[in-house]
Amino acid sequence: MQQLYKNAYSEYDKRELETALRGYFQYIALAYAQPKSIFPRHYDLR
């Protein structure tokens, strides 16, 4: 029973991490696509 819980938890953990990373990279892509809408003018990265 313990092993079953551990497997389910690790699977859930992996899925959570994947979702978090995807959201993070989406935010980065958005920031590079429209820098002025997210950052002030003097923080323009390009």
C-alpha atoms as a PDB file:
ATOM      1  CA  MET A   1       0.000   0.000   0.000  1.00  0.00           C
ATOM      2  CA  GLN A   2       2.844   2.362   0.859  1.00  0.00           C
ATOM      3  CA  GLN A   3       4.482   1.771  -2.519  1.00  0.00           C
ATOM      4  CA  LEU A   4       1.230   2.556  -4.313  1.00  0.00           C
ATOM      5  CA  TYR A   5       0.951   5.856  -2.483  1.00  0.00           C
ATOM      6  CA  LYS A   6       4.574   6.664  -3.246  1.00  0.00           C
ATOM      7  CA  ASN A   7       4.146   5.949  -6.965  1.00  0.00           C
ATOM      8  CA  ALA A   8       0.987   8.024  -7.214  1.00  0.00           C
ATOM      9  CA  TYR A   9       2.642  10.880  -5.368  1.00  0.00           C
ATOM     10  CA  SER A  10       5.762  10.895  -7.545  1.00  0.00           C
ATOM     11  CA  GLU A  11       3.602  10.835 -10.672  1.00  0.00           C
ATOM     12  CA  TYR A  12       1.556  13.746  -9.356  1.00  0.00           C
ATOM     13  CA  ASP A  13       4.744  15.585  -8.406  1.00  0.00           C
ATOM     14  CA  LYS A  14       6.192  15.147 -11.893  1.00  0.00           C
ATOM     15  CA  ARG A  15       3.003  16.455 -13.480  1.00  0.00           C
ATOM     16  CA  GLU A  16       3.020  19.469 -11.160  1.00  0.00           C
ATOM     17  CA  LEU A  17       6.633  20.258 -12.014  1.00  0.00           C
ATOM     18  CA  GLU A  18       5.901  19.959 -15.721  1.00  0.00           C
ATOM     19  CA  THR A  19       2.963  22.347 -15.447  1.00  0.00           C
ATOM     20  CA  ALA A  20       5.012  24.838 -13.444  1.00  0.00           C
ATOM     21  CA  LEU A  21       7.867  24.743 -15.957  1.00  0.00           C
ATOM     22  CA  ARG A  22       5.505  25.159 -18.882  1.00  0.00           C
ATOM     23  CA  GLY A  23       3.907  28.183 -17.226  1.00  0.00           C
ATOM     24  CA  TYR A  24       7.320  29.653 -16.452  1.00  0.00           C
ATOM     25  CA  PHE A  25       8.545  29.287 -20.035  1.00  0.00           C
ATOM     26  CA  GLN A  26       5.284  30.715 -21.354  1.00  0.00           C
ATOM     27  CA  TYR A  27       5.847  33.755 -19.146  1.00  0.00           C
ATOM     28  CA  ILE A  28       9.410  34.130 -20.423  1.00  0.00           C
ATOM     29  CA  ALA A  29       8.249  33.870 -24.038  1.00  0.00           C
ATOM     30  CA  LEU A  30       5.548  36.441 -23.371  1.00  0.00           C
ATOM     31  CA  ALA A  31       8.070  38.764 -21.763  1.00  0.00           C
ATOM     32  CA  TYR A  32      10.335  38.523 -24.801  1.00  0.00           C
ATOM     33  CA  ALA A  33       7.473  38.906 -27.250  1.00  0.00           C
ATOM     34  CA  GLN A  34       6.074  42.079 -25.637  1.00  0.00           C
ATOM     35  CA  PRO A  35       8.700  43.534 -23.316  1.00  0.00           C
ATOM     36  CA  LYS A  36       7.033  46.927 -22.965  1.00  0.00           C
ATOM     37  CA  SER A  37       3.772  45.521 -21.654  1.00  0.00           C
ATOM     38  CA  ILE A  38       5.476  43.668 -18.799  1.00  0.00           C
ATOM     39  CA  PHE A  39       8.613  45.661 -18.061  1.00  0.00           C
ATOM     40  CA  PRO A  40       8.985  49.426 -17.832  1.00  0.00           C
ATOM     41  CA  ARG A  41      10.613  51.185 -20.747  1.00  0.00           C
ATOM     42  CA  HIS A  42      14.120  51.282 -19.264  1.00  0.00           C
ATOM     43  CA  TYR A  43      13.993  47.550 -18.577  1.00  0.00           C
ATOM     44  CA  ASP A  44      13.464  46.674 -22.226  1.00  0.00           C
ATOM     45  CA  LEU A  45      15.541  43.543 -22.813  1.00  0.00           C
ATOM     46  CA  ARG A  46      16.071  43.850 -26.540  1.00  0.00           C
END
